[in-house]
Amino acid sequence: MKRGIVGFHQDDESHWVAELDCGHGQHMRHDPPWQMRPWTLTVQGRAARIGEVVDCLKCDRAEPPADWAARSV
């Protein structure tokens, strides 16, 4: 399912995670030669991707976001 990027944060291993408008996160690693995403390395590069639409596999599987229970209280 297509979802928009609304922000970014780093995980415990300092990899960048896109925050999606559905509440899920998706890793956006720059890990050559497998994944080429040099834009993740700069503030400007990440900011330019805000609003970009990506496939959310968790939405495709109908998985609720991790904090779904807390948001519905």
C-alpha atoms as a PDB file:
ATOM      1  CA  MET A   1       0.000   0.000   0.000  1.00  0.00           C
ATOM      2  CA  LYS A   2       1.339   3.444  -0.853  1.00  0.00           C
ATOM      3  CA  ARG A   3       2.116   5.684   2.135  1.00  0.00           C
ATOM      4  CA  GLY A   4       3.814   9.056   2.475  1.00  0.00           C
ATOM      5  CA  ILE A   5       7.020   9.779   4.381  1.00  0.00           C
ATOM      6  CA  VAL A   6       6.383  12.266   7.186  1.00  0.00           C
ATOM      7  CA  GLY A   7       9.735  12.178   8.990  1.00  0.00           C
ATOM      8  CA  PHE A   8      12.858  10.210   9.857  1.00  0.00           C
ATOM      9  CA  HIS A   9      14.559   8.855  12.955  1.00  0.00           C
ATOM     10  CA  GLN A  10      17.552   6.633  13.651  1.00  0.00           C
ATOM     11  CA  ASP A  11      17.226   3.147  15.116  1.00  0.00           C
ATOM     12  CA  ASP A  12      19.494   1.663  17.799  1.00  0.00           C
ATOM     13  CA  GLU A  13      22.125   0.828  15.153  1.00  0.00           C
ATOM     14  CA  SER A  14      22.049   4.379  13.702  1.00  0.00           C
ATOM     15  CA  HIS A  15      20.215   3.310  10.531  1.00  0.00           C
ATOM     16  CA  TRP A  16      17.693   5.805   9.174  1.00  0.00           C
ATOM     17  CA  VAL A  17      14.022   4.843   9.391  1.00  0.00           C
ATOM     18  CA  ALA A  18      11.344   6.670   7.405  1.00  0.00           C
ATOM     19  CA  GLU A  19       8.266   7.473   9.480  1.00  0.00           C
ATOM     20  CA  LEU A  20       5.195   6.855   7.334  1.00  0.00           C
ATOM     21  CA  ASP A  21       1.806   8.564   7.549  1.00  0.00           C
ATOM     22  CA  CYS A  22       0.223   5.218   8.505  1.00  0.00           C
ATOM     23  CA  GLY A  23       2.325   5.026  11.687  1.00  0.00           C
ATOM     24  CA  HIS A  24       4.722   2.361  10.424  1.00  0.00           C
ATOM     25  CA  GLY A  25       8.446   2.801   9.920  1.00  0.00           C
ATOM     26  CA  GLN A  26      10.572   1.629   7.009  1.00  0.00           C
ATOM     27  CA  HIS A  27      14.357   1.389   7.008  1.00  0.00           C
ATOM     28  CA  MET A  28      16.095   3.537   4.407  1.00  0.00           C
ATOM     29  CA  ARG A  29      19.631   2.199   4.593  1.00  0.00           C
ATOM     30  CA  HIS A  30      22.588   3.326   2.544  1.00  0.00           C
ATOM     31  CA  ASP A  31      24.428   0.003   2.471  1.00  0.00           C
ATOM     32  CA  PRO A  32      26.504  -0.250  -0.729  1.00  0.00           C
ATOM     33  CA  PRO A  33      26.539  -2.238  -2.919  1.00  0.00           C
ATOM     34  CA  TRP A  34      23.123  -3.659  -1.969  1.00  0.00           C
ATOM     35  CA  GLN A  35      21.230  -0.458  -1.227  1.00  0.00           C
ATOM     36  CA  MET A  36      22.294   2.859  -2.703  1.00  0.00           C
ATOM     37  CA  ARG A  37      20.631   5.670  -0.767  1.00  0.00           C
ATOM     38  CA  PRO A  38      23.309   8.319  -0.246  1.00  0.00           C
ATOM     39  CA  TRP A  39      20.559  10.902   0.301  1.00  0.00           C
ATOM     40  CA  THR A  40      20.002   9.376   3.774  1.00  0.00           C
ATOM     41  CA  LEU A  41      23.391  10.692   4.899  1.00  0.00           C
ATOM     42  CA  THR A  42      22.453  14.389   4.931  1.00  0.00           C
ATOM     43  CA  VAL A  43      19.728  16.455   6.562  1.00  0.00           C
ATOM     44  CA  GLN A  44      18.975  18.053   3.188  1.00  0.00           C
ATOM     45  CA  GLY A  45      18.711  14.664   1.465  1.00  0.00           C
ATOM     46  CA  ARG A  46      16.250  13.321   4.013  1.00  0.00           C
ATOM     47  CA  ALA A  47      14.225  16.546   4.028  1.00  0.00           C
ATOM     48  CA  ALA A  48      13.866  16.335   0.248  1.00  0.00           C
ATOM     49  CA  ARG A  49      12.153  12.930   0.654  1.00  0.00           C
ATOM     50  CA  ILE A  50       9.414  14.178   3.013  1.00  0.00           C
ATOM     51  CA  GLY A  51       6.127  13.597   1.220  1.00  0.00           C
ATOM     52  CA  GLU A  52       7.558  10.926  -1.073  1.00  0.00           C
ATOM     53  CA  VAL A  53       5.302   7.894  -1.399  1.00  0.00           C
ATOM     54  CA  VAL A  54       6.678   4.392  -0.741  1.00  0.00           C
ATOM     55  CA  ASP A  55       5.174   0.916  -0.479  1.00  0.00           C
ATOM     56  CA  CYS A  56       4.342  -0.083   3.097  1.00  0.00           C
ATOM     57  CA  LEU A  57       4.540  -3.865   3.322  1.00  0.00           C
ATOM     58  CA  LYS A  58       3.176  -3.796   6.866  1.00  0.00           C
ATOM     59  CA  CYS A  59      -0.018  -2.105   5.639  1.00  0.00           C
ATOM     60  CA  ASP A  60      -0.224  -4.700   2.855  1.00  0.00           C
ATOM     61  CA  ARG A  61      -0.221  -7.356   5.602  1.00  0.00           C
ATOM     62  CA  ALA A  62      -2.792  -5.369   7.651  1.00  0.00           C
ATOM     63  CA  GLU A  63      -0.381  -5.051  10.595  1.00  0.00           C
ATOM     64  CA  PRO A  64      -1.234  -2.297  13.065  1.00  0.00           C
ATOM     65  CA  PRO A  65       1.530   0.200  13.927  1.00  0.00           C
ATOM     66  CA  ALA A  66       3.595  -0.661  17.020  1.00  0.00           C
ATOM     67  CA  ASP A  67       1.980   2.131  19.073  1.00  0.00           C
ATOM     68  CA  TRP A  68      -1.558   1.442  17.812  1.00  0.00           C
ATOM     69  CA  ALA A  69      -2.834   0.268  21.194  1.00  0.00           C
ATOM     70  CA  ALA A  70      -1.514   3.396  22.921  1.00  0.00           C
ATOM     71  CA  ARG A  71      -3.114   5.678  20.308  1.00  0.00           C
ATOM     72  CA  SER A  72      -6.562   4.096  20.631  1.00  0.00           C
ATOM     73  CA  VAL A  73      -6.815   4.710  24.417  1.00  0.00           C
END
